[in-house]
Protein backbone atom coordinates (compact mmCIF):
# COMPACT_ATOMS: atom_id res chain seq x y z
CA MET A 1 57.72 142.63 89.83
CA VAL A 2 60.05 141.85 86.95
CA LEU A 3 59.63 138.08 87.02
CA MET A 4 55.83 138.11 86.95
CA LYS A 5 55.36 140.26 83.85
CA THR A 6 54.37 138.71 80.53
CA ASN A 7 55.59 141.58 78.39
CA ILE A 8 59.27 142.25 77.74
CA ILE A 9 58.75 146.03 77.65
CA LEU A 10 57.16 145.96 81.11
CA MET A 11 60.04 143.84 82.39
CA LEU A 12 62.51 146.42 81.11
CA MET A 13 60.52 149.22 82.75
CA GLY A 14 60.60 147.31 86.04
CA VAL A 15 64.37 147.01 85.92
CA GLU A 16 64.66 150.74 85.19
CA LEU A 17 62.43 151.51 88.20
CA ILE A 18 64.74 149.43 90.37
CA PHE A 19 67.77 151.37 89.08
CA ASN A 20 66.01 154.68 89.74
CA ALA A 21 65.15 153.65 93.29
CA ALA A 22 68.81 152.80 93.91
CA ASN A 23 69.80 156.19 92.46
CA LEU A 24 67.45 158.01 94.82
CA ASN A 25 68.98 156.17 97.76
CA LEU A 26 72.50 157.02 96.63
CA ILE A 27 71.63 160.69 96.26
CA ALA A 28 69.89 160.81 99.64
CA PHE A 29 72.74 159.13 101.49
CA GLY A 30 75.38 161.02 99.51
CA ARG A 31 73.92 164.36 100.55
CA ASN A 32 75.80 164.16 103.85
CA ASP A 33 79.08 163.19 102.16
CA PRO A 34 81.35 166.18 101.47
CA ASN A 35 83.25 164.25 98.76
CA LEU A 36 80.16 163.78 96.52
CA GLN A 37 80.83 160.06 96.16
CA GLY A 38 77.12 159.19 96.16
CA GLN A 39 76.40 161.61 93.33
CA ILE A 40 79.37 160.37 91.27
CA PHE A 41 78.31 156.76 91.76
CA THR A 42 74.77 157.73 90.71
CA LEU A 43 76.10 159.15 87.45
CA PHE A 44 77.79 155.83 86.73
CA VAL A 45 74.56 153.94 87.51
CA ILE A 46 72.66 156.24 85.13
CA MET A 47 75.23 155.57 82.38
CA ILE A 48 74.98 151.83 82.93
CA ALA A 49 71.17 152.01 82.87
CA ALA A 50 71.24 153.91 79.57
CA CYS A 51 73.56 151.32 78.01
CA GLU A 52 71.44 148.48 79.40
CA THR A 53 68.32 150.04 77.91
CA ALA A 54 69.92 150.36 74.48
CA VAL A 55 71.06 146.73 74.49
CA ALA A 56 67.74 145.47 75.85
CA LEU A 57 65.75 147.35 73.22
CA ALA A 58 67.97 145.87 70.49
CA ILE A 59 67.32 142.39 71.88
CA ILE A 60 63.58 143.08 72.07
CA VAL A 61 63.52 144.25 68.44
CA ASN A 62 65.32 141.08 67.33
CA LEU A 63 62.99 138.87 69.37
CA TYR A 64 59.99 140.61 67.84
CA ARG A 65 61.37 140.11 64.33
CA HIS A 66 61.89 136.41 64.96
CA TYR A 67 58.81 135.49 67.03
CA LYS A 68 56.38 138.29 65.98
CA SER A 69 55.53 138.81 69.66
CA ILE A 70 57.05 140.44 72.72
CA ASP A 71 55.74 137.74 75.06
CA PRO A 72 58.80 136.22 76.82
CA THR A 73 57.11 132.83 77.22
CA GLN A 74 57.18 132.31 73.44
CA ALA A 75 60.94 132.83 73.24
CA VAL A 76 61.86 129.45 74.69
CA GLU A 77 64.18 128.37 71.89
CA LEU A 78 67.48 130.27 71.93
CA LYS A 79 69.28 129.00 68.85
CA GLY A 80 71.64 131.29 66.94
């Protein structure tokens, strides 16, 4: 799903959907755990997803400023 998109925003949304699916699995399997390890691990995954979203949006804004498009196929030249 992520690799076939031609829009960086849609790629980011696909990654977030994958993280949310993993979170649902952790919560469901952690429901039977008396130590709440699944729920604690889910909180860490949510924190990582929030940080990843902030960094990805910053990269998308910079790519848009440079290439005037959010099409990932136009960003083939990665010079500093």
